[in-house]
Amino acid sequence: MDSKELHVELRVGQPSRMVIKGTYGEKIHKAFGVTRQGVRWRFQHIFGKIYVEAFETILFIEKNFGTQLREHAIRISKERYALRQQLNNIK
């Protein structure tokens, strides 16, 4: 899918939120088998909830333990990602 067809905008407010924009009807349905409403729900659930909550957790941890943990966490997450990619390539 052409990445120009979908984009994310920030809706400023209290609290602000991310909104998916663009044309994602028939192509999304064909590619993933979900409706437009399903796309919006998944986007809000993954990016609007899980992704933002992950950063809230990071901010809490860094406030209490310092930012030096970030470098270690990024390294570990990159290593885990690489291992998952290797396992997927084996299958």
Protein backbone atom coordinates (compact mmCIF):
# COMPACT_ATOMS: atom_id res chain seq x y z
CA MET A 1 0.00 0.00 0.00
CA ASP A 2 1.22 3.49 -0.80
CA SER A 3 2.21 5.15 2.47
CA LYS A 4 0.92 8.52 1.17
CA GLU A 5 -2.64 7.23 1.37
CA LEU A 6 -2.60 7.00 5.16
CA HIS A 7 -1.27 9.47 7.68
CA VAL A 8 -1.71 10.38 11.31
CA GLU A 9 -2.71 13.79 12.63
CA LEU A 10 -2.59 15.14 16.16
CA ARG A 11 -5.86 16.52 17.50
CA VAL A 12 -4.88 18.97 20.21
CA GLY A 13 -6.99 18.99 23.35
CA GLN A 14 -7.01 17.87 26.95
CA PRO A 15 -5.80 15.24 26.36
CA SER A 16 -4.64 15.38 22.76
CA ARG A 17 -5.15 12.33 20.56
CA MET A 18 -3.92 10.82 17.30
CA VAL A 19 -6.33 10.39 14.39
CA ILE A 20 -5.81 8.26 11.27
CA LYS A 21 -6.56 10.14 8.07
CA GLY A 22 -6.58 9.32 4.40
CA THR A 23 -8.20 6.82 2.08
CA TYR A 24 -8.17 3.41 3.65
CA GLY A 25 -11.41 1.83 2.58
CA GLU A 26 -11.35 -0.88 -0.07
CA LYS A 27 -7.57 -1.43 -0.12
CA ILE A 28 -7.44 -2.04 3.63
CA HIS A 29 -10.44 -4.35 3.41
CA LYS A 30 -8.78 -6.38 0.66
CA ALA A 31 -5.35 -6.46 2.31
CA PHE A 32 -6.40 -7.18 5.90
CA GLY A 33 -10.03 -8.24 5.74
CA VAL A 34 -11.34 -5.53 8.07
CA THR A 35 -13.87 -2.76 7.58
CA ARG A 36 -13.13 0.97 7.77
CA GLN A 37 -14.59 0.94 11.28
CA GLY A 38 -12.34 -2.00 12.15
CA VAL A 39 -9.33 -0.04 10.93
CA ARG A 40 -10.30 2.95 13.07
CA TRP A 41 -10.91 0.77 16.13
CA ARG A 42 -7.57 -1.05 15.77
CA PHE A 43 -5.74 2.23 15.22
CA GLN A 44 -7.31 3.81 18.32
CA HIS A 45 -6.67 0.69 20.38
CA ILE A 46 -3.05 0.20 19.31
CA PHE A 47 -1.82 3.77 18.87
CA GLY A 48 -4.32 5.73 20.91
CA LYS A 49 -4.18 3.41 23.88
CA ILE A 50 -1.32 0.89 23.95
CA TYR A 51 1.38 3.06 22.34
CA VAL A 52 0.57 6.17 24.41
CA GLU A 53 0.23 4.13 27.63
CA ALA A 54 3.66 2.62 26.99
CA PHE A 55 5.15 6.12 26.96
CA GLU A 56 3.25 7.02 30.13
CA THR A 57 4.86 4.00 31.79
CA ILE A 58 8.29 5.01 30.49
CA LEU A 59 7.85 8.54 31.85
CA PHE A 60 6.83 7.14 35.26
CA ILE A 61 9.83 4.79 35.38
CA GLU A 62 12.28 7.47 34.25
CA LYS A 63 10.91 9.94 36.79
CA ASN A 64 11.52 7.43 39.58
CA PHE A 65 14.69 5.68 38.39
CA GLY A 66 16.31 8.12 35.96
CA THR A 67 16.77 8.22 32.22
CA GLN A 68 19.86 6.00 32.17
CA LEU A 69 17.57 2.97 31.83
CA ARG A 70 16.41 4.13 28.39
CA GLU A 71 19.66 3.23 26.62
CA HIS A 72 19.58 -0.28 28.07
CA ALA A 73 15.90 -0.74 27.20
CA ILE A 74 16.43 0.39 23.60
CA ARG A 75 19.36 -1.98 23.18
CA ILE A 76 17.43 -4.93 24.63
CA SER A 77 14.35 -4.19 22.51
CA LYS A 78 16.46 -3.99 19.33
CA GLU A 79 18.11 -7.32 20.19
CA ARG A 80 14.72 -8.95 20.83
CA TYR A 81 13.36 -7.56 17.57
CA ALA A 82 16.35 -8.90 15.65
CA LEU A 83 15.90 -12.34 17.24
CA ARG A 84 12.20 -12.37 16.29
CA GLN A 85 13.11 -11.42 12.73
CA GLN A 86 15.63 -14.28 12.58
CA LEU A 87 13.05 -16.75 13.89
CA ASN A 88 10.50 -15.56 11.33
CA ASN A 89 13.02 -16.01 8.53
CA ILE A 90 13.71 -19.59 9.65
CA LYS A 91 10.03 -20.56 9.49
